[in-house]
């Protein structure tokens, strides 16, 4: 009774590029950080810094795990 229920999970993020997700980037203190997809999920550093990956082509939010390219 005190909970606020969501009507849905939100919009599905899709990349408009061909091929999809040509590259990932995030911004940290005004500098661009390059990322790569990770099947194991996002790295602890990504979570600690609160980085959000976006497509380098169209700017869509990347919904899966990723790590900083090194």
PDB file of N, CA and C in Angstrom:
ATOM      1  N   UNK A   1       0.807  -1.185   0.000  1.00  0.00           N
ATOM      2  CA  UNK A   1       0.000   0.000   0.000  1.00  0.00           C
ATOM      3  C   UNK A   1       0.855   1.255   0.000  1.00  0.00           C
ATOM      4  N   UNK A   2       2.090   1.180   0.484  1.00  0.00           N
ATOM      5  CA  UNK A   2       2.964   2.347   0.490  1.00  0.00           C
ATOM      6  C   UNK A   2       3.941   2.356  -0.670  1.00  0.00           C
ATOM      7  N   UNK A   3       3.890   1.323  -1.499  1.00  0.00           N
ATOM      8  CA  UNK A   3       4.815   1.224  -2.618  1.00  0.00           C
ATOM      9  C   UNK A   3       4.253   1.928  -3.840  1.00  0.00           C
ATOM     10  N   UNK A   4       5.146   2.407  -4.630  1.00  0.00           N
ATOM     11  CA  UNK A   4       4.754   3.051  -5.873  1.00  0.00           C
ATOM     12  C   UNK A   4       5.129   2.111  -7.012  1.00  0.00           C
ATOM     13  N   UNK A   5       4.157   1.590  -7.702  1.00  0.00           N
ATOM     14  CA  UNK A   5       4.395   0.601  -8.747  1.00  0.00           C
ATOM     15  C   UNK A   5       4.690   1.274 -10.067  1.00  0.00           C
ATOM     16  N   UNK A   6       5.639   0.721 -10.773  1.00  0.00           N
ATOM     17  CA  UNK A   6       5.956   1.216 -12.111  1.00  0.00           C
ATOM     18  C   UNK A   6       5.021   0.570 -13.122  1.00  0.00           C
ATOM     19  N   UNK A   7       4.677   1.320 -14.164  1.00  0.00           N
ATOM     20  CA  UNK A   7       3.799   0.773 -15.189  1.00  0.00           C
ATOM     21  C   UNK A   7       4.561  -0.098 -16.181  1.00  0.00           C
ATOM     22  N   UNK A   8       5.880   0.043 -16.252  1.00  0.00           N
ATOM     23  CA  UNK A   8       6.675  -0.757 -17.177  1.00  0.00           C
ATOM     24  C   UNK A   8       8.143  -0.650 -16.843  1.00  0.00           C
ATOM     25  N   UNK A   9       8.967  -1.367 -17.583  1.00  0.00           N
ATOM     26  CA  UNK A   9      10.408  -1.358 -17.327  1.00  0.00           C
ATOM     27  C   UNK A   9      11.107  -0.180 -17.973  1.00  0.00           C
ATOM     28  N   UNK A  10      10.441   0.541 -18.833  1.00  0.00           N
ATOM     29  CA  UNK A  10      11.081   1.658 -19.516  1.00  0.00           C
ATOM     30  C   UNK A  10      11.378   1.320 -20.959  1.00  0.00           C
ATOM     31  N   UNK A  11      11.904   2.275 -21.661  1.00  0.00           N
ATOM     32  CA  UNK A  11      12.171   2.106 -23.083  1.00  0.00           C
ATOM     33  C   UNK A  11      13.356   1.173 -23.315  1.00  0.00           C
ATOM     34  N   UNK A  12      13.273   0.399 -24.365  1.00  0.00           N
ATOM     35  CA  UNK A  12      14.368  -0.467 -24.767  1.00  0.00           C
ATOM     36  C   UNK A  12      15.359   0.371 -25.561  1.00  0.00           C
ATOM     37  N   UNK A  13      16.635   0.253 -25.233  1.00  0.00           N
ATOM     38  CA  UNK A  13      17.661   1.024 -25.921  1.00  0.00           C
ATOM     39  C   UNK A  13      18.135   0.266 -27.145  1.00  0.00           C
ATOM     40  N   UNK A  14      18.095   0.927 -28.288  1.00  0.00           N
ATOM     41  CA  UNK A  14      18.597   0.314 -29.513  1.00  0.00           C
ATOM     42  C   UNK A  14      19.593   1.247 -30.169  1.00  0.00           C
ATOM     43  N   UNK A  15      20.558   0.660 -30.824  1.00  0.00           N
ATOM     44  CA  UNK A  15      21.579   1.413 -31.541  1.00  0.00           C
ATOM     45  C   UNK A  15      21.130   1.570 -32.986  1.00  0.00           C
ATOM     46  N   UNK A  16      21.242   2.780 -33.525  1.00  0.00           N
ATOM     47  CA  UNK A  16      20.820   3.054 -34.894  1.00  0.00           C
ATOM     48  C   UNK A  16      21.933   2.826 -35.909  1.00  0.00           C
ATOM     49  N   UNK A  17      23.110   2.439 -35.457  1.00  0.00           N
ATOM     50  CA  UNK A  17      24.264   2.271 -36.352  1.00  0.00           C
ATOM     51  C   UNK A  17      24.230   0.915 -37.054  1.00  0.00           C
ATOM     52  N   UNK A  18      24.949   0.834 -38.142  1.00  0.00           N
ATOM     53  CA  UNK A  18      25.099  -0.430 -38.876  1.00  0.00           C
ATOM     54  C   UNK A  18      26.569  -0.669 -39.103  1.00  0.00           C
ATOM     55  N   UNK A  19      27.212  -1.643 -38.507  1.00  0.00           N
ATOM     56  CA  UNK A  19      26.679  -2.620 -37.559  1.00  0.00           C
ATOM     57  C   UNK A  19      26.410  -1.981 -36.200  1.00  0.00           C
ATOM     58  N   UNK A  20      25.611  -2.669 -35.391  1.00  0.00           N
ATOM     59  CA  UNK A  20      25.275  -2.137 -34.073  1.00  0.00           C
ATOM     60  C   UNK A  20      26.503  -2.038 -33.179  1.00  0.00           C
ATOM     61  N   UNK A  21      26.518  -1.029 -32.349  1.00  0.00           N
ATOM     62  CA  UNK A  21      27.556  -0.783 -31.349  1.00  0.00           C
ATOM     63  C   UNK A  21      28.967  -0.830 -31.942  1.00  0.00           C
ATOM     64  N   UNK A  22      29.281   0.097 -32.860  1.00  0.00           N
ATOM     65  CA  UNK A  22      30.624   0.110 -33.456  1.00  0.00           C
ATOM     66  C   UNK A  22      31.722   0.449 -32.453  1.00  0.00           C
ATOM     67  N   UNK A  23      31.372   1.086 -31.367  1.00  0.00           N
ATOM     68  CA  UNK A  23      32.329   1.431 -30.324  1.00  0.00           C
ATOM     69  C   UNK A  23      31.587   1.991 -29.130  1.00  0.00           C
ATOM     70  N   UNK A  24      32.218   1.941 -27.965  1.00  0.00           N
ATOM     71  CA  UNK A  24      31.611   2.470 -26.748  1.00  0.00           C
ATOM     72  C   UNK A  24      32.469   3.590 -26.200  1.00  0.00           C
ATOM     73  N   UNK A  25      31.815   4.584 -25.615  1.00  0.00           N
ATOM     74  CA  UNK A  25      32.544   5.686 -24.994  1.00  0.00           C
ATOM     75  C   UNK A  25      31.766   6.161 -23.771  1.00  0.00           C
ATOM     76  N   UNK A  26      32.501   6.731 -22.852  1.00  0.00           N
ATOM     77  CA  UNK A  26      31.920   7.328 -21.654  1.00  0.00           C
ATOM     78  C   UNK A  26      32.698   8.600 -21.366  1.00  0.00           C
ATOM     79  N   UNK A  27      32.144   9.455 -20.534  1.00  0.00           N
ATOM     80  CA  UNK A  27      32.803  10.706 -20.195  1.00  0.00           C
ATOM     81  C   UNK A  27      33.164  10.693 -18.713  1.00  0.00           C
ATOM     82  N   UNK A  28      34.412  11.058 -18.422  1.00  0.00           N
ATOM     83  CA  UNK A  28      34.895  11.126 -17.042  1.00  0.00           C
ATOM     84  C   UNK A  28      35.670  12.421 -16.870  1.00  0.00           C
ATOM     85  N   UNK A  29      35.131  13.343 -16.103  1.00  0.00           N
ATOM     86  CA  UNK A  29      35.759  14.647 -15.851  1.00  0.00           C
ATOM     87  C   UNK A  29      36.115  15.368 -17.147  1.00  0.00           C
ATOM     88  N   UNK A  30      35.226  15.291 -18.136  1.00  0.00           N
ATOM     89  CA  UNK A  30      35.444  15.985 -19.397  1.00  0.00           C
ATOM     90  C   UNK A  30      36.328  15.257 -20.386  1.00  0.00           C
ATOM     91  N   UNK A  31      36.809  14.089 -20.025  1.00  0.00           N
ATOM     92  CA  UNK A  31      37.655  13.300 -20.920  1.00  0.00           C
ATOM     93  C   UNK A  31      36.879  12.088 -21.408  1.00  0.00           C
ATOM     94  N   UNK A  32      37.135  11.709 -22.658  1.00  0.00           N
ATOM     95  CA  UNK A  32      36.467  10.540 -23.217  1.00  0.00           C
ATOM     96  C   UNK A  32      37.192   9.265 -22.808  1.00  0.00           C
ATOM     97  N   UNK A  33      36.422   8.280 -22.358  1.00  0.00           N
ATOM     98  CA  UNK A  33      36.940   6.975 -21.969  1.00  0.00           C
ATOM     99  C   UNK A  33      36.398   5.963 -22.971  1.00  0.00           C
ATOM    100  N   UNK A  34      37.281   5.164 -23.560  1.00  0.00           N
ATOM    101  CA  UNK A  34      36.875   4.160 -24.542  1.00  0.00           C
ATOM    102  C   UNK A  34      36.592   2.853 -23.818  1.00  0.00           C
ATOM    103  N   UNK A  35      35.509   2.191 -24.204  1.00  0.00           N
ATOM    104  CA  UNK A  35      35.135   0.940 -23.570  1.00  0.00           C
ATOM    105  C   UNK A  35      34.920  -0.169 -24.574  1.00  0.00           C
ATOM    106  N   UNK A  36      34.847  -1.391 -24.063  1.00  0.00           N
ATOM    107  CA  UNK A  36      34.562  -2.573 -24.882  1.00  0.00           C
ATOM    108  C   UNK A  36      33.502  -3.409 -24.158  1.00  0.00           C
ATOM    109  N   UNK A  37      32.637  -4.101 -24.919  1.00  0.00           N
ATOM    110  CA  UNK A  37      31.631  -4.963 -24.294  1.00  0.00           C
ATOM    111  C   UNK A  37      32.284  -6.079 -23.483  1.00  0.00           C
ATOM    112  N   UNK A  38      31.606  -6.489 -22.420  1.00  0.00           N
ATOM    113  CA  UNK A  38      32.122  -7.554 -21.566  1.00  0.00           C
ATOM    114  C   UNK A  38      31.005  -8.542 -21.245  1.00  0.00           C
ATOM    115  N   UNK A  39      31.151  -9.804 -21.672  1.00  0.00           N
ATOM    116  CA  UNK A  39      30.111 -10.793 -21.357  1.00  0.00           C
ATOM    117  C   UNK A  39      30.022 -11.112 -19.864  1.00  0.00           C
ATOM    118  N   UNK A  40      31.069 -10.817 -19.101  1.00  0.00           N
ATOM    119  CA  UNK A  40      31.056 -11.068 -17.653  1.00  0.00           C
ATOM    120  C   UNK A  40      30.369  -9.960 -16.868  1.00  0.00           C
ATOM    121  N   UNK A  41      29.965  -8.886 -17.519  1.00  0.00           N
ATOM    122  CA  UNK A  41      29.334  -7.760 -16.840  1.00  0.00           C
ATOM    123  C   UNK A  41      30.312  -6.606 -16.684  1.00  0.00           C
ATOM    124  N   UNK A  42      29.821  -5.508 -16.165  1.00  0.00           N
ATOM    125  CA  UNK A  42      30.653  -4.318 -16.005  1.00  0.00           C
ATOM    126  C   UNK A  42      31.698  -4.519 -14.916  1.00  0.00           C
ATOM    127  N   UNK A  43      32.837  -3.866 -15.094  1.00  0.00           N
ATOM    128  CA  UNK A  43      33.925  -3.979 -14.122  1.00  0.00           C
ATOM    129  C   UNK A  43      33.591  -3.173 -12.865  1.00  0.00           C
ATOM    130  N   UNK A  44      34.215  -3.506 -11.732  1.00  0.00           N
ATOM    131  CA  UNK A  44      33.995  -2.736 -10.506  1.00  0.00           C
ATOM    132  C   UNK A  44      34.341  -1.256 -10.679  1.00  0.00           C
ATOM    133  N   UNK A  45      35.372  -0.956 -11.487  1.00  0.00           N
ATOM    134  CA  UNK A  45      35.751   0.441 -11.701  1.00  0.00           C
ATOM    135  C   UNK A  45      34.620   1.218 -12.379  1.00  0.00           C
ATOM    136  N   UNK A  46      33.954   0.596 -13.349  1.00  0.00           N
ATOM    137  CA  UNK A  46      32.834   1.246 -14.035  1.00  0.00           C
ATOM    138  C   UNK A  46      31.741   1.573 -13.026  1.00  0.00           C
ATOM    139  N   UNK A  47      31.430   0.640 -12.135  1.00  0.00           N
ATOM    140  CA  UNK A  47      30.392   0.866 -11.124  1.00  0.00           C
ATOM    141  C   UNK A  47      30.819   1.919 -10.105  1.00  0.00           C
ATOM    142  N   UNK A  48      32.058   1.860  -9.633  1.00  0.00           N
ATOM    143  CA  UNK A  48      32.526   2.815  -8.619  1.00  0.00           C
ATOM    144  C   UNK A  48      32.529   4.243  -9.144  1.00  0.00           C
ATOM    145  N   UNK A  49      32.910   4.423 -10.408  1.00  0.00           N
ATOM    146  CA  UNK A  49      32.966   5.764 -10.984  1.00  0.00           C
ATOM    147  C   UNK A  49      31.628   6.216 -11.561  1.00  0.00           C
ATOM    148  N   UNK A  50      30.670   5.306 -11.643  1.00  0.00           N
ATOM    149  CA  UNK A  50      29.356   5.653 -12.176  1.00  0.00           C
ATOM    150  C   UNK A  50      29.376   5.964 -13.660  1.00  0.00           C
ATOM    151  N   UNK A  51      30.247   5.288 -14.401  1.00  0.00           N
ATOM    152  CA  UNK A  51      30.360   5.541 -15.837  1.00  0.00           C
ATOM    153  C   UNK A  51      29.184   4.930 -16.592  1.00  0.00           C
ATOM    154  N   UNK A  52      28.720   5.640 -17.611  1.00  0.00           N
ATOM    155  CA  UNK A  52      27.629   5.177 -18.464  1.00  0.00           C
ATOM    156  C   UNK A  52      28.144   5.131 -19.888  1.00  0.00           C
ATOM    157  N   UNK A  53      28.122   3.937 -20.490  1.00  0.00           N
ATOM    158  CA  UNK A  53      28.622   3.778 -21.858  1.00  0.00           C
ATOM    159  C   UNK A  53      27.553   4.178 -22.863  1.00  0.00           C
ATOM    160  N   UNK A  54      28.009   4.821 -23.924  1.00  0.00           N
ATOM    161  CA  UNK A  54      27.138   5.206 -25.034  1.00  0.00           C
ATOM    162  C   UNK A  54      27.792   4.789 -26.335  1.00  0.00           C
ATOM    163  N   UNK A  55      26.977   4.616 -27.365  1.00  0.00           N
ATOM    164  CA  UNK A  55      27.485   4.263 -28.685  1.00  0.00           C
ATOM    165  C   UNK A  55      28.303   5.427 -29.230  1.00  0.00           C
ATOM    166  N   UNK A  56      29.445   5.123 -29.818  1.00  0.00           N
ATOM    167  CA  UNK A  56      30.294   6.186 -30.365  1.00  0.00           C
ATOM    168  C   UNK A  56      29.717   6.764 -31.648  1.00  0.00           C
ATOM    169  N   UNK A  57      28.765   6.068 -32.269  1.00  0.00           N
ATOM    170  CA  UNK A  57      28.160   6.558 -33.505  1.00  0.00           C
ATOM    171  C   UNK A  57      26.913   7.388 -33.270  1.00  0.00           C
ATOM    172  N   UNK A  58      25.903   6.780 -32.645  1.00  0.00           N
ATOM    173  CA  UNK A  58      24.612   7.457 -32.497  1.00  0.00           C
ATOM    174  C   UNK A  58      24.355   7.990 -31.088  1.00  0.00           C
ATOM    175  N   UNK A  59      25.166   7.581 -30.109  1.00  0.00           N
ATOM    176  CA  UNK A  59      25.010   8.087 -28.745  1.00  0.00           C
ATOM    177  C   UNK A  59      23.999   7.341 -27.893  1.00  0.00           C
ATOM    178  N   UNK A  60      23.501   6.190 -28.365  1.00  0.00           N
ATOM    179  CA  UNK A  60      22.534   5.412 -27.586  1.00  0.00           C
ATOM    180  C   UNK A  60      23.194   4.838 -26.336  1.00  0.00           C
ATOM    181  N   UNK A  61      22.428   4.750 -25.262  1.00  0.00           N
ATOM    182  CA  UNK A  61      22.908   4.185 -23.993  1.00  0.00           C
ATOM    183  C   UNK A  61      23.129   2.686 -24.166  1.00  0.00           C
ATOM    184  N   UNK A  62      24.324   2.180 -23.776  1.00  0.00           N
ATOM    185  CA  UNK A  62      24.642   0.754 -23.896  1.00  0.00           C
ATOM    186  C   UNK A  62      24.053   0.012 -22.700  1.00  0.00           C
ATOM    187  N   UNK A  63      23.128  -0.940 -22.929  1.00  0.00           N
ATOM    188  CA  UNK A  63      22.410  -1.567 -21.818  1.00  0.00           C
ATOM    189  C   UNK A  63      23.089  -2.781 -21.190  1.00  0.00           C
ATOM    190  N   UNK A  64      24.237  -3.213 -21.702  1.00  0.00           N
ATOM    191  CA  UNK A  64      24.881  -4.433 -21.214  1.00  0.00           C
ATOM    192  C   UNK A  64      26.179  -4.101 -20.470  1.00  0.00           C
ATOM    193  N   UNK A  65      26.835  -5.131 -19.955  1.00  0.00           N
ATOM    194  CA  UNK A  65      28.090  -4.955 -19.236  1.00  0.00           C
ATOM    195  C   UNK A  65      29.224  -4.524 -20.155  1.00  0.00           C
ATOM    196  N   UNK A  66      30.119  -3.696 -19.622  1.00  0.00           N
ATOM    197  CA  UNK A  66      31.263  -3.221 -20.401  1.00  0.00           C
ATOM    198  C   UNK A  66      32.411  -2.905 -19.461  1.00  0.00           C
ATOM    199  N   UNK A  67      33.600  -2.823 -20.032  1.00  0.00           N
ATOM    200  CA  UNK A  67      34.805  -2.483 -19.273  1.00  0.00           C
ATOM    201  C   UNK A  67      35.579  -1.413 -20.030  1.00  0.00           C
ATOM    202  N   UNK A  68      36.435  -0.711 -19.311  1.00  0.00           N
ATOM    203  CA  UNK A  68      37.291   0.300 -19.935  1.00  0.00           C
ATOM    204  C   UNK A  68      38.361  -0.416 -20.751  1.00  0.00           C
ATOM    205  N   UNK A  69      38.544   0.013 -21.994  1.00  0.00           N
ATOM    206  CA  UNK A  69      39.546  -0.602 -22.872  1.00  0.00           C
ATOM    207  C   UNK A  69      40.932  -0.269 -22.351  1.00  0.00           C
ATOM    208  N   UNK A  70      41.803  -1.245 -22.392  1.00  0.00           N
ATOM    209  CA  UNK A  70      43.123  -0.998 -21.845  1.00  0.00           C
ATOM    210  C   UNK A  70      44.160  -1.558 -22.640  1.00  0.00           C
TER     211      UNK A  70
END
